[in-house]
C-alpha atoms as a PDB file:
ATOM      1  CA  MET A   1     -90.318 -90.472  70.038  1.00  0.00           C
ATOM      2  CA  SER A   2     -89.823 -93.922  68.612  1.00  0.00           C
ATOM      3  CA  SER A   3     -87.767 -94.248  65.443  1.00  0.00           C
ATOM      4  CA  GLY A   4     -89.858 -97.218  64.378  1.00  0.00           C
ATOM      5  CA  LEU A   5     -86.814 -99.473  64.693  1.00  0.00           C
ATOM      6  CA  PHE A   6     -86.651 -99.601  68.496  1.00  0.00           C
ATOM      7  CA  PRO A   7     -89.443 -99.105  71.066  1.00  0.00           C
ATOM      8  CA  ASP A   8     -89.262 -96.048  73.313  1.00  0.00           C
ATOM      9  CA  SER A   9     -88.906 -97.570  76.792  1.00  0.00           C
ATOM     10  CA  THR A  10     -86.466-100.068  78.290  1.00  0.00           C
ATOM     11  CA  ALA A  11     -89.387-102.318  79.237  1.00  0.00           C
ATOM     12  CA  GLN A  12     -90.531-102.340  75.620  1.00  0.00           C
ATOM     13  CA  VAL A  13     -87.008-103.141  74.457  1.00  0.00           C
ATOM     14  CA  LYS A  14     -86.912-106.071  76.864  1.00  0.00           C
ATOM     15  CA  SER A  15     -90.312-107.256  75.689  1.00  0.00           C
ATOM     16  CA  ALA A  16     -89.388-106.989  72.018  1.00  0.00           C
ATOM     17  CA  PHE A  17     -86.074-108.762  72.572  1.00  0.00           C
ATOM     18  CA  ALA A  18     -87.657-111.588  74.564  1.00  0.00           C
ATOM     19  CA  ALA A  19     -90.334-112.001  71.925  1.00  0.00           C
ATOM     20  CA  THR A  20     -87.823-112.492  69.094  1.00  0.00           C
ATOM     21  CA  VAL A  21     -85.069-114.473  70.858  1.00  0.00           C
ATOM     22  CA  ASP A  22     -85.248-117.579  73.025  1.00  0.00           C
ATOM     23  CA  ASN A  23     -84.096-115.654  76.085  1.00  0.00           C
ATOM     24  CA  PRO A  24     -84.566-117.381  79.468  1.00  0.00           C
ATOM     25  CA  LEU A  25     -83.628-114.224  81.371  1.00  0.00           C
ATOM     26  CA  ILE A  26     -86.490-111.882  80.557  1.00  0.00           C
ATOM     27  CA  MET A  27     -90.181-112.587  80.346  1.00  0.00           C
ATOM     28  CA  ALA A  28     -92.342-111.021  77.662  1.00  0.00           C
ATOM     29  CA  ASP A  29     -93.613-108.450  80.177  1.00  0.00           C
ATOM     30  CA  GLY A  30     -90.041-107.339  80.917  1.00  0.00           C
ATOM     31  CA  THR A  31     -89.739-109.090  84.287  1.00  0.00           C
ATOM     32  CA  SER A  32     -86.741-111.237  85.253  1.00  0.00           C
ATOM     33  CA  THR A  33     -86.813-115.002  85.800  1.00  0.00           C
ATOM     34  CA  ASP A  34     -83.786-114.865  88.127  1.00  0.00           C
ATOM     35  CA  ASP A  35     -84.685-116.388  91.509  1.00  0.00           C
ATOM     36  CA  GLY A  36     -81.422-115.314  93.160  1.00  0.00           C
ATOM     37  CA  SER A  37     -79.731-118.735  93.172  1.00  0.00           C
ATOM     38  CA  PRO A  38     -75.998-118.745  92.313  1.00  0.00           C
ATOM     39  CA  THR A  39     -76.219-119.965  88.725  1.00  0.00           C
ATOM     40  CA  LEU A  40     -74.842-118.872  85.375  1.00  0.00           C
ATOM     41  CA  LEU A  41     -78.334-117.584  84.572  1.00  0.00           C
ATOM     42  CA  ARG A  42     -78.297-115.293  87.590  1.00  0.00           C
ATOM     43  CA  MET A  43     -74.964-113.766  86.612  1.00  0.00           C
ATOM     44  CA  VAL A  44     -75.984-113.181  82.999  1.00  0.00           C
ATOM     45  CA  ASN A  45     -79.289-111.708  84.115  1.00  0.00           C
ATOM     46  CA  GLN A  46     -77.704-109.349  86.625  1.00  0.00           C
ATOM     47  CA  ILE A  47     -75.084-108.037  84.198  1.00  0.00           C
ATOM     48  CA  VAL A  48     -77.703-107.478  81.493  1.00  0.00           C
ATOM     49  CA  ASP A  49     -79.836-105.636  84.044  1.00  0.00           C
ATOM     50  CA  GLU A  50     -77.001-103.511  85.470  1.00  0.00           C
ATOM     51  CA  LEU A  51     -75.855-102.453  82.015  1.00  0.00           C
ATOM     52  CA  ASP A  52     -79.479-101.953  80.969  1.00  0.00           C
ATOM     53  CA  ARG A  53     -78.630-103.680  77.698  1.00  0.00           C
ATOM     54  CA  PRO A  54     -80.907-106.685  77.074  1.00  0.00           C
ATOM     55  CA  ASP A  55     -79.595-106.755  73.511  1.00  0.00           C
ATOM     56  CA  LEU A  56     -76.157-107.793  74.830  1.00  0.00           C
ATOM     57  CA  GLU A  57     -77.180-111.152  76.301  1.00  0.00           C
ATOM     58  CA  GLY A  58     -74.900-113.030  73.889  1.00  0.00           C
ATOM     59  CA  PRO A  59     -71.845-110.799  74.417  1.00  0.00           C
ATOM     60  CA  VAL A  60     -72.421-110.966  78.186  1.00  0.00           C
ATOM     61  CA  ARG A  61     -72.194-114.749  78.058  1.00  0.00           C
ATOM     62  CA  ASN A  62     -69.002-114.526  76.011  1.00  0.00           C
ATOM     63  CA  ALA A  63     -67.559-112.029  78.496  1.00  0.00           C
ATOM     64  CA  ILE A  64     -68.307-114.371  81.416  1.00  0.00           C
ATOM     65  CA  ARG A  65     -66.587-117.260  79.629  1.00  0.00           C
ATOM     66  CA  HIS A  66     -63.600-115.013  78.941  1.00  0.00           C
ATOM     67  CA  ALA A  67     -63.474-113.909  82.579  1.00  0.00           C
ATOM     68  CA  ILE A  68     -63.529-117.490  83.857  1.00  0.00           C
ATOM     69  CA  GLY A  69     -60.825-118.494  81.374  1.00  0.00           C
ATOM     70  CA  PHE A  70     -58.665-115.569  82.452  1.00  0.00           C
ATOM     71  CA  TRP A  71     -58.962-116.248  86.201  1.00  0.00           C
ATOM     72  CA  GLN A  72     -58.493-120.014  85.878  1.00  0.00           C
ATOM     73  CA  ARG A  73     -54.738-119.425  86.024  1.00  0.00           C
ATOM     74  CA  GLU A  74     -55.066-117.857  89.471  1.00  0.00           C
ATOM     75  CA  ARG A  75     -55.262-120.029  92.551  1.00  0.00           C
ATOM     76  CA  PHE A  76     -58.020-119.547  95.086  1.00  0.00           C
ATOM     77  CA  ALA A  77     -59.380-121.634  97.943  1.00  0.00           C
ATOM     78  CA  PHE A  78     -62.062-123.159  95.725  1.00  0.00           C
ATOM     79  CA  ASN A  79     -59.946-124.399  92.802  1.00  0.00           C
ATOM     80  CA  ASP A  80     -57.830-126.884  94.710  1.00  0.00           C
ATOM     81  CA  GLY A  81     -58.587-130.490  93.884  1.00  0.00           C
ATOM     82  CA  ILE A  82     -57.444-134.065  93.326  1.00  0.00           C
ATOM     83  CA  LEU A  83     -56.541-136.149  90.281  1.00  0.00           C
ATOM     84  CA  GLU A  84     -56.531-139.885  90.967  1.00  0.00           C
ATOM     85  CA  PHE A  85     -56.006-142.834  88.650  1.00  0.00           C
ATOM     86  CA  GLN A  86     -55.078-146.509  88.738  1.00  0.00           C
ATOM     87  CA  THR A  87     -51.872-147.837  87.221  1.00  0.00           C
ATOM     88  CA  VAL A  88     -51.681-150.843  84.926  1.00  0.00           C
ATOM     89  CA  PRO A  89     -48.789-153.314  85.313  1.00  0.00           C
ATOM     90  CA  GLY A  90     -46.280-152.715  82.531  1.00  0.00           C
ATOM     91  CA  LYS A  91     -47.754-149.350  81.482  1.00  0.00           C
ATOM     92  CA  ALA A  92     -45.636-146.210  81.992  1.00  0.00           C
ATOM     93  CA  GLY A  93     -47.750-143.429  80.407  1.00  0.00           C
ATOM     94  CA  TYR A  94     -51.203-142.205  81.468  1.00  0.00           C
ATOM     95  CA  GLY A  95     -53.367-139.634  79.694  1.00  0.00           C
ATOM     96  CA  GLY A  96     -56.506-139.240  77.604  1.00  0.00           C
ATOM     97  CA  ALA A  97     -58.993-142.000  78.459  1.00  0.00           C
ATOM     98  CA  ASP A  98     -56.932-142.953  81.535  1.00  0.00           C
ATOM     99  CA  LEU A  99     -57.780-139.575  83.082  1.00  0.00           C
ATOM    100  CA  ALA A 100     -61.313-139.168  81.694  1.00  0.00           C
ATOM    101  CA  GLY A 101     -63.656-137.462  84.126  1.00  0.00           C
ATOM    102  CA  GLN A 102     -60.784-136.351  86.334  1.00  0.00           C
ATOM    103  CA  ASN A 103     -59.570-132.865  87.167  1.00  0.00           C
ATOM    104  CA  VAL A 104     -56.939-131.274  84.946  1.00  0.00           C
ATOM    105  CA  MET A 105     -54.031-130.249  87.151  1.00  0.00           C
ATOM    106  CA  LEU A 106     -52.549-126.788  86.610  1.00  0.00           C
ATOM    107  CA  ALA A 107     -50.095-127.140  89.502  1.00  0.00           C
ATOM    108  CA  ILE A 108     -49.266-130.152  91.667  1.00  0.00           C
ATOM    109  CA  ASP A 109     -48.525-129.712  95.382  1.00  0.00           C
ATOM    110  CA  SER A 110     -48.233-133.356  96.320  1.00  0.00           C
ATOM    111  CA  ALA A 111     -47.973-136.651  94.457  1.00  0.00           C
ATOM    112  CA  VAL A 112     -48.306-139.982  96.208  1.00  0.00           C
ATOM    113  CA  LEU A 113     -48.530-143.620  95.264  1.00  0.00           C
ATOM    114  CA  LEU A 114     -50.789-145.962  97.267  1.00  0.00           C
ATOM    115  CA  ASP A 115     -51.273-149.711  97.254  1.00  0.00           C
ATOM    116  CA  ASP A 116     -54.229-151.843  98.342  1.00  0.00           C
ATOM    117  CA  ASP A 117     -52.706-152.358 101.806  1.00  0.00           C
ATOM    118  CA  GLY A 118     -52.769-148.640 102.588  1.00  0.00           C
ATOM    119  CA  ASN A 119     -49.051-148.085 102.119  1.00  0.00           C
ATOM    120  CA  SER A 120     -48.055-144.802 100.501  1.00  0.00           C
ATOM    121  CA  TRP A 121     -44.925-143.414  98.863  1.00  0.00           C
ATOM    122  CA  VAL A 122     -44.046-139.933  97.670  1.00  0.00           C
ATOM    123  CA  LEU A 123     -43.605-139.533  93.913  1.00  0.00           C
ATOM    124  CA  ARG A 124     -40.877-137.104  92.861  1.00  0.00           C
ATOM    125  CA  ASN A 125     -41.407-134.791  89.900  1.00  0.00           C
ATOM    126  CA  VAL A 126     -38.663-134.828  87.255  1.00  0.00           C
ATOM    127  CA  PRO A 127     -38.413-133.411  83.711  1.00  0.00           C
ATOM    128  CA  ILE A 128     -39.557-135.796  80.980  1.00  0.00           C
ATOM    129  CA  ALA A 129     -36.041-135.531  79.493  1.00  0.00           C
ATOM    130  CA  ASP A 130     -34.627-137.212  82.607  1.00  0.00           C
ATOM    131  CA  LEU A 131     -36.830-140.253  82.075  1.00  0.00           C
ATOM    132  CA  GLU A 132     -35.971-140.326  78.376  1.00  0.00           C
ATOM    133  CA  ALA A 133     -32.306-140.510  79.385  1.00  0.00           C
ATOM    134  CA  VAL A 134     -32.750-143.638  81.517  1.00  0.00           C
ATOM    135  CA  SER A 135     -30.982-146.559  79.874  1.00  0.00           C
ATOM    136  CA  ASP A 136     -33.625-149.167  80.748  1.00  0.00           C
ATOM    137  CA  GLN A 137     -36.942-147.340  80.343  1.00  0.00           C
ATOM    138  CA  THR A 138     -38.970-150.554  80.722  1.00  0.00           C
ATOM    139  CA  GLN A 139     -37.582-151.360  84.165  1.00  0.00           C
ATOM    140  CA  PRO A 140     -40.497-152.655  86.302  1.00  0.00           C
ATOM    141  CA  GLY A 141     -40.930-151.861  89.971  1.00  0.00           C
ATOM    142  CA  LEU A 142     -42.423-149.460  92.465  1.00  0.00           C
ATOM    143  CA  PRO A 143     -42.746-146.064  90.707  1.00  0.00           C
ATOM    144  CA  THR A 144     -40.796-143.324  92.461  1.00  0.00           C
ATOM    145  CA  PHE A 145     -40.735-140.616  89.765  1.00  0.00           C
ATOM    146  CA  TYR A 146     -43.304-138.945  87.541  1.00  0.00           C
ATOM    147  CA  ALA A 147     -42.973-136.526  84.641  1.00  0.00           C
ATOM    148  CA  LYS A 148     -45.594-134.311  83.029  1.00  0.00           C
ATOM    149  CA  PHE A 149     -46.038-134.504  79.277  1.00  0.00           C
ATOM    150  CA  SER A 150     -48.811-132.667  77.421  1.00  0.00           C
ATOM    151  CA  GLU A 151     -52.013-133.537  79.330  1.00  0.00           C
ATOM    152  CA  GLY A 152     -50.624-136.796  80.721  1.00  0.00           C
ATOM    153  CA  TYR A 153     -48.048-138.310  83.048  1.00  0.00           C
ATOM    154  CA  ARG A 154     -45.254-140.846  82.813  1.00  0.00           C
ATOM    155  CA  LEU A 155     -44.096-143.021  85.713  1.00  0.00           C
ATOM    156  CA  PHE A 156     -40.749-144.651  86.433  1.00  0.00           C
ATOM    157  CA  PRO A 157     -39.995-147.389  87.176  1.00  0.00           C
ATOM    158  CA  VAL A 158     -42.836-148.867  85.152  1.00  0.00           C
ATOM    159  CA  PRO A 159     -45.554-150.052  87.591  1.00  0.00           C
ATOM    160  CA  ASP A 160     -45.159-153.715  88.476  1.00  0.00           C
ATOM    161  CA  GLN A 161     -48.706-153.967  89.864  1.00  0.00           C
ATOM    162  CA  VAL A 162     -51.847-151.905  90.342  1.00  0.00           C
ATOM    163  CA  TYR A 163     -51.298-148.742  92.368  1.00  0.00           C
ATOM    164  CA  THR A 164     -53.325-145.590  92.940  1.00  0.00           C
ATOM    165  CA  VAL A 165     -51.653-142.355  91.896  1.00  0.00           C
ATOM    166  CA  ARG A 166     -53.030-139.282  93.674  1.00  0.00           C
ATOM    167  CA  PHE A 167     -52.117-135.718  92.763  1.00  0.00           C
ATOM    168  CA  THR A 168     -53.400-132.756  94.768  1.00  0.00           C
ATOM    169  CA  GLY A 169     -53.103-129.093  93.853  1.00  0.00           C
ATOM    170  CA  HIS A 170     -54.486-126.374  91.593  1.00  0.00           C
ATOM    171  CA  VAL A 171     -57.112-127.728  89.177  1.00  0.00           C
ATOM    172  CA  ARG A 172     -58.795-126.285  86.111  1.00  0.00           C
ATOM    173  CA  LEU A 173     -62.358-125.396  87.067  1.00  0.00           C
ATOM    174  CA  GLY A 174     -64.494-124.810  83.981  1.00  0.00           C
ATOM    175  CA  ALA A 175     -67.561-122.642  83.532  1.00  0.00           C
ATOM    176  CA  PRO A 176     -71.035-124.015  84.361  1.00  0.00           C
ATOM    177  CA  ALA A 177     -72.303-126.032  81.405  1.00  0.00           C
ATOM    178  CA  THR A 178     -75.895-124.749  81.408  1.00  0.00           C
ATOM    179  CA  ASP A 179     -77.859-121.780  82.699  1.00  0.00           C
ATOM    180  CA  ALA A 180     -79.175-123.797  85.643  1.00  0.00           C
ATOM    181  CA  ASP A 181     -75.732-125.062  86.681  1.00  0.00           C
ATOM    182  CA  THR A 182     -73.588-123.567  89.401  1.00  0.00           C
ATOM    183  CA  ASN A 183     -69.996-123.850  90.545  1.00  0.00           C
ATOM    184  CA  ALA A 184     -67.505-121.716  92.424  1.00  0.00           C
ATOM    185  CA  TRP A 185     -67.039-119.256  89.555  1.00  0.00           C
ATOM    186  CA  VAL A 186     -70.646-118.106  89.820  1.00  0.00           C
ATOM    187  CA  ASP A 187     -70.864-118.610  93.586  1.00  0.00           C
ATOM    188  CA  GLU A 188     -67.721-117.900  95.653  1.00  0.00           C
ATOM    189  CA  ALA A 189     -66.113-115.877  92.827  1.00  0.00           C
ATOM    190  CA  TYR A 190     -69.365-114.224  91.710  1.00  0.00           C
ATOM    191  CA  ASP A 191     -68.233-110.633  92.305  1.00  0.00           C
ATOM    192  CA  LEU A 192     -64.874-111.191  90.614  1.00  0.00           C
ATOM    193  CA  ILE A 193     -66.235-112.836  87.467  1.00  0.00           C
ATOM    194  CA  ALA A 194     -69.137-110.397  87.088  1.00  0.00           C
ATOM    195  CA  ALA A 195     -66.836-107.392  87.494  1.00  0.00           C
ATOM    196  CA  TYR A 196     -64.246-108.751  85.058  1.00  0.00           C
ATOM    197  CA  ALA A 197     -66.954-109.596  82.515  1.00  0.00           C
ATOM    198  CA  LYS A 198     -68.262-106.014  82.691  1.00  0.00           C
ATOM    199  CA  ARG A 199     -64.698-104.715  82.394  1.00  0.00           C
ATOM    200  CA  TYR A 200     -64.260-106.835  79.268  1.00  0.00           C
ATOM    201  CA  LEU A 201     -67.493-105.491  77.786  1.00  0.00           C
ATOM    202  CA  ALA A 202     -66.583-101.900  78.664  1.00  0.00           C
ATOM    203  CA  LEU A 203     -63.216-102.282  76.949  1.00  0.00           C
ATOM    204  CA  HIS A 204     -64.129-104.326  73.877  1.00  0.00           C
ATOM    205  CA  ARG A 205     -67.840-103.777  73.233  1.00  0.00           C
ATOM    206  CA  LEU A 206     -69.150-100.655  74.918  1.00  0.00           C
ATOM    207  CA  LYS A 207     -65.961 -98.551  74.592  1.00  0.00           C
ATOM    208  CA  ASP A 208     -66.814 -97.002  77.946  1.00  0.00           C
ATOM    209  CA  ALA A 209     -63.659 -95.756  79.694  1.00  0.00           C
ATOM    210  CA  SER A 210     -65.412 -94.725  82.910  1.00  0.00           C
ATOM    211  CA  LEU A 211     -67.092 -98.137  83.277  1.00  0.00           C
ATOM    212  CA  LYS A 212     -63.797 -99.861  82.562  1.00  0.00           C
ATOM    213  CA  GLN A 213     -62.072 -97.797  85.260  1.00  0.00           C
ATOM    214  CA  ALA A 214     -64.814 -98.542  87.789  1.00  0.00           C
ATOM    215  CA  MET A 215     -64.608-102.262  87.010  1.00  0.00           C
ATOM    216  CA  ASP A 216     -60.810-102.198  87.394  1.00  0.00           C
ATOM    217  CA  THR A 217     -61.383-101.161  90.994  1.00  0.00           C
ATOM    218  CA  ALA A 218     -64.148-103.738  91.495  1.00  0.00           C
ATOM    219  CA  VAL A 219     -61.978-106.524  90.063  1.00  0.00           C
ATOM    220  CA  GLN A 220     -59.069-105.600  92.331  1.00  0.00           C
ATOM    221  CA  GLU A 221     -61.272-105.533  95.426  1.00  0.00           C
ATOM    222  CA  ALA A 222     -62.914-108.878  94.601  1.00  0.00           C
ATOM    223  CA  SER A 223     -59.569-110.531  93.802  1.00  0.00           C
ATOM    224  CA  THR A 224     -57.976-109.243  97.014  1.00  0.00           C
ATOM    225  CA  SER A 225     -60.942-110.496  99.039  1.00  0.00           C
ATOM    226  CA  LEU A 226     -60.802-113.989  97.520  1.00  0.00           C
ATOM    227  CA  LYS A 227     -57.049-114.296  97.967  1.00  0.00           C
ATOM    228  CA  GLY A 228     -57.360-113.070 101.541  1.00  0.00           C
ATOM    229  CA  LEU A 229     -59.922-115.786 102.194  1.00  0.00           C
ATOM    230  CA  ALA A 230     -57.572-118.402 100.731  1.00  0.00           C
ATOM    231  CA  THR A 231     -54.761-117.190 102.987  1.00  0.00           C
ATOM    232  CA  THR A 232     -57.023-117.310 106.037  1.00  0.00           C
ATOM    233  CA  MET A 233     -58.189-120.843 105.254  1.00  0.00           C
ATOM    234  CA  ALA A 234     -54.598-122.036 104.765  1.00  0.00           C
ATOM    235  CA  SER A 235     -53.356-120.380 107.949  1.00  0.00           C
ATOM    236  CA  THR A 236     -52.786-122.335 111.158  1.00  0.00           C
ATOM    237  CA  GLY A 237     -53.812-119.326 113.210  1.00  0.00           C
ATOM    238  CA  VAL A 238     -50.481-119.424 115.052  1.00  0.00           C
ATOM    239  CA  VAL A 239     -47.738-116.889 114.445  1.00  0.00           C
ATOM    240  CA  GLN A 240     -44.300-118.493 114.559  1.00  0.00           C
ATOM    241  CA  SER A 241     -40.794-117.148 114.176  1.00  0.00           C
ATOM    242  CA  TYR A 242     -38.935-117.961 110.999  1.00  0.00           C
ATOM    243  CA  ASP A 243     -35.224-118.718 111.210  1.00  0.00           C
ATOM    244  CA  LEU A 244     -33.194-117.437 108.296  1.00  0.00           C
END
């Protein structure tokens, strides 16, 4: 029997919720608008459907954002990338507007300097304190060192001409900006992010120990699978002896 506050059936709940909230996931008749494409919308829709809680659309979105933020620190095959910028003669530090639109590096595997003739040189990473200790910090020349500071980088010697600096490594991959957007978090890492989002909801919102335990297993399986794929992609396919 209905209490008068909530309708009796799940379909009616979905209809009532869709009628009062601008919800792109559920039509007024209770049907889903998810077409199966790997988008943020699909993930939200599936989690809402699996939990059978259309009233949790907002918390589900928050849980997905939390899951992506948590797993950003882990390295997978899909969150490798490049940061590239041009130097300015006489300018040692680069950050902010200099790096606008570029990837944020969480770990750097390689750093090279290139000129217009195709020549390249390896840049060595040193602590910022080492550059601060240099007696002539304005010395111009071909940069051979770089130091990380905050969200930027400092080069030494100070570039004497225009060069291209190219960093490759682990980049920060953000969440899709809109429901229709997609990226690796809701495509390659779909199972991992969905499972971790449900784990987060089970722990902090639903207080459901059995769901949390089940999602612990799902998260571990998805993480192991993704890391195994990264190892396979990085492998040469040839087993070699290692001399100690």
